Protein backbone atom coordinates (compact mmCIF):
# COMPACT_ATOMS: atom_id res chain seq x y z
CA MET A 1 -144.12 74.06 160.32
CA ALA A 2 -142.04 72.30 157.66
CA LYS A 3 -140.74 68.83 158.39
CA ASN A 4 -136.94 68.65 158.35
CA ASN A 5 -135.27 66.13 156.08
CA LEU A 6 -132.09 64.64 157.55
CA GLY A 7 -130.52 64.27 154.08
CA GLN A 8 -131.08 67.94 153.34
CA ASP A 9 -129.69 68.91 156.73
CA ILE A 10 -126.54 66.89 156.13
CA GLU A 11 -126.16 68.36 152.65
CA THR A 12 -126.43 71.86 154.09
CA LEU A 13 -123.90 71.10 156.83
CA SER A 14 -121.56 69.58 154.25
CA ASN A 15 -121.07 73.04 152.78
CA TYR A 16 -119.18 74.15 155.88
CA GLU A 17 -115.56 73.32 156.62
CA HIS A 18 -116.41 73.43 160.34
CA PHE A 19 -118.63 70.42 159.85
CA ALA A 20 -115.89 68.64 157.87
CA ARG A 21 -113.45 69.25 160.72
CA PHE A 22 -115.97 67.84 163.20
CA ILE A 23 -116.45 64.70 161.09
CA ASN A 24 -112.68 64.42 160.80
CA VAL A 25 -112.60 64.12 164.61
CA VAL A 26 -115.19 61.34 164.38
CA GLU A 27 -112.87 59.50 161.99
CA GLN A 28 -109.93 59.99 164.37
CA LEU A 29 -111.99 58.57 167.23
CA ARG A 30 -112.79 55.55 165.07
CA GLU A 31 -109.11 55.01 164.35
CA GLU A 32 -108.30 55.28 168.08
CA CYS A 33 -110.87 52.58 168.80
CA ILE A 34 -109.27 50.33 166.22
CA SER A 35 -105.88 50.85 167.91
CA ASP A 36 -107.44 50.14 171.31
CA MET A 37 -108.62 46.75 170.07
CA HIS A 38 -105.03 45.47 170.02
CA GLU A 39 -104.75 45.78 173.79
CA ALA A 40 -108.36 45.12 174.77
CA SER A 41 -109.64 42.20 176.76
CA ILE A 42 -112.26 39.89 175.29
CA ASP A 43 -114.92 41.72 177.32
CA GLN A 44 -113.85 45.12 175.99
CA LEU A 45 -113.73 44.01 172.35
CA GLN A 46 -117.49 43.91 171.92
CA GLN A 47 -117.89 47.41 173.38
CA ILE A 48 -115.13 48.83 171.19
CA ALA A 49 -116.53 47.10 168.10
CA GLY A 50 -119.91 48.71 168.82
CA ARG A 51 -118.32 52.15 168.99
CA ILE A 52 -116.49 51.54 165.71
CA LEU A 53 -119.77 50.55 164.05
CA SER A 54 -121.42 53.74 165.32
CA TYR A 55 -118.59 55.87 163.97
CA ASP A 56 -118.78 54.00 160.65
CA GLN A 57 -122.51 54.71 160.39
CA LEU A 58 -121.93 58.43 160.95
CA LEU A 59 -119.12 58.53 158.39
CA GLN A 60 -121.29 56.76 155.80
CA MET A 61 -124.31 58.95 156.57
CA VAL A 62 -122.38 62.14 155.81
CA ASP A 63 -120.52 60.63 152.82
CA TRP A 64 -117.15 61.24 154.45
CA LYS A 65 -115.07 60.46 151.34
CA ASN A 66 -116.77 63.20 149.33
CA LEU A 67 -116.73 65.56 152.29
CA GLN A 68 -112.96 65.06 152.53
CA LYS A 69 -112.55 65.90 148.86
CA ARG A 70 -114.77 68.94 149.12
CA HIS A 71 -112.88 70.40 152.08
CA LYS A 72 -109.39 68.98 151.56
CA ASP A 73 -107.81 72.42 152.02
CA PHE A 74 -109.25 72.69 155.54
CA LEU A 75 -108.52 69.21 156.89
């Protein structure tokens, strides 16, 4: 059985506008978290910041900027 390579998997998924739309939702969730920070308590800030970092990691992993360019007609 061949070992899957995450980079190859992401590259394959990047060919599909459905994947781009999904990642677009991830970016929207990130932006919502940033907005939530304005009204958050000190205790909530750390949790929200952690979610933002997770979303950022996903967006970087899939090269969101290039994915947006590739599928701009579908977003």
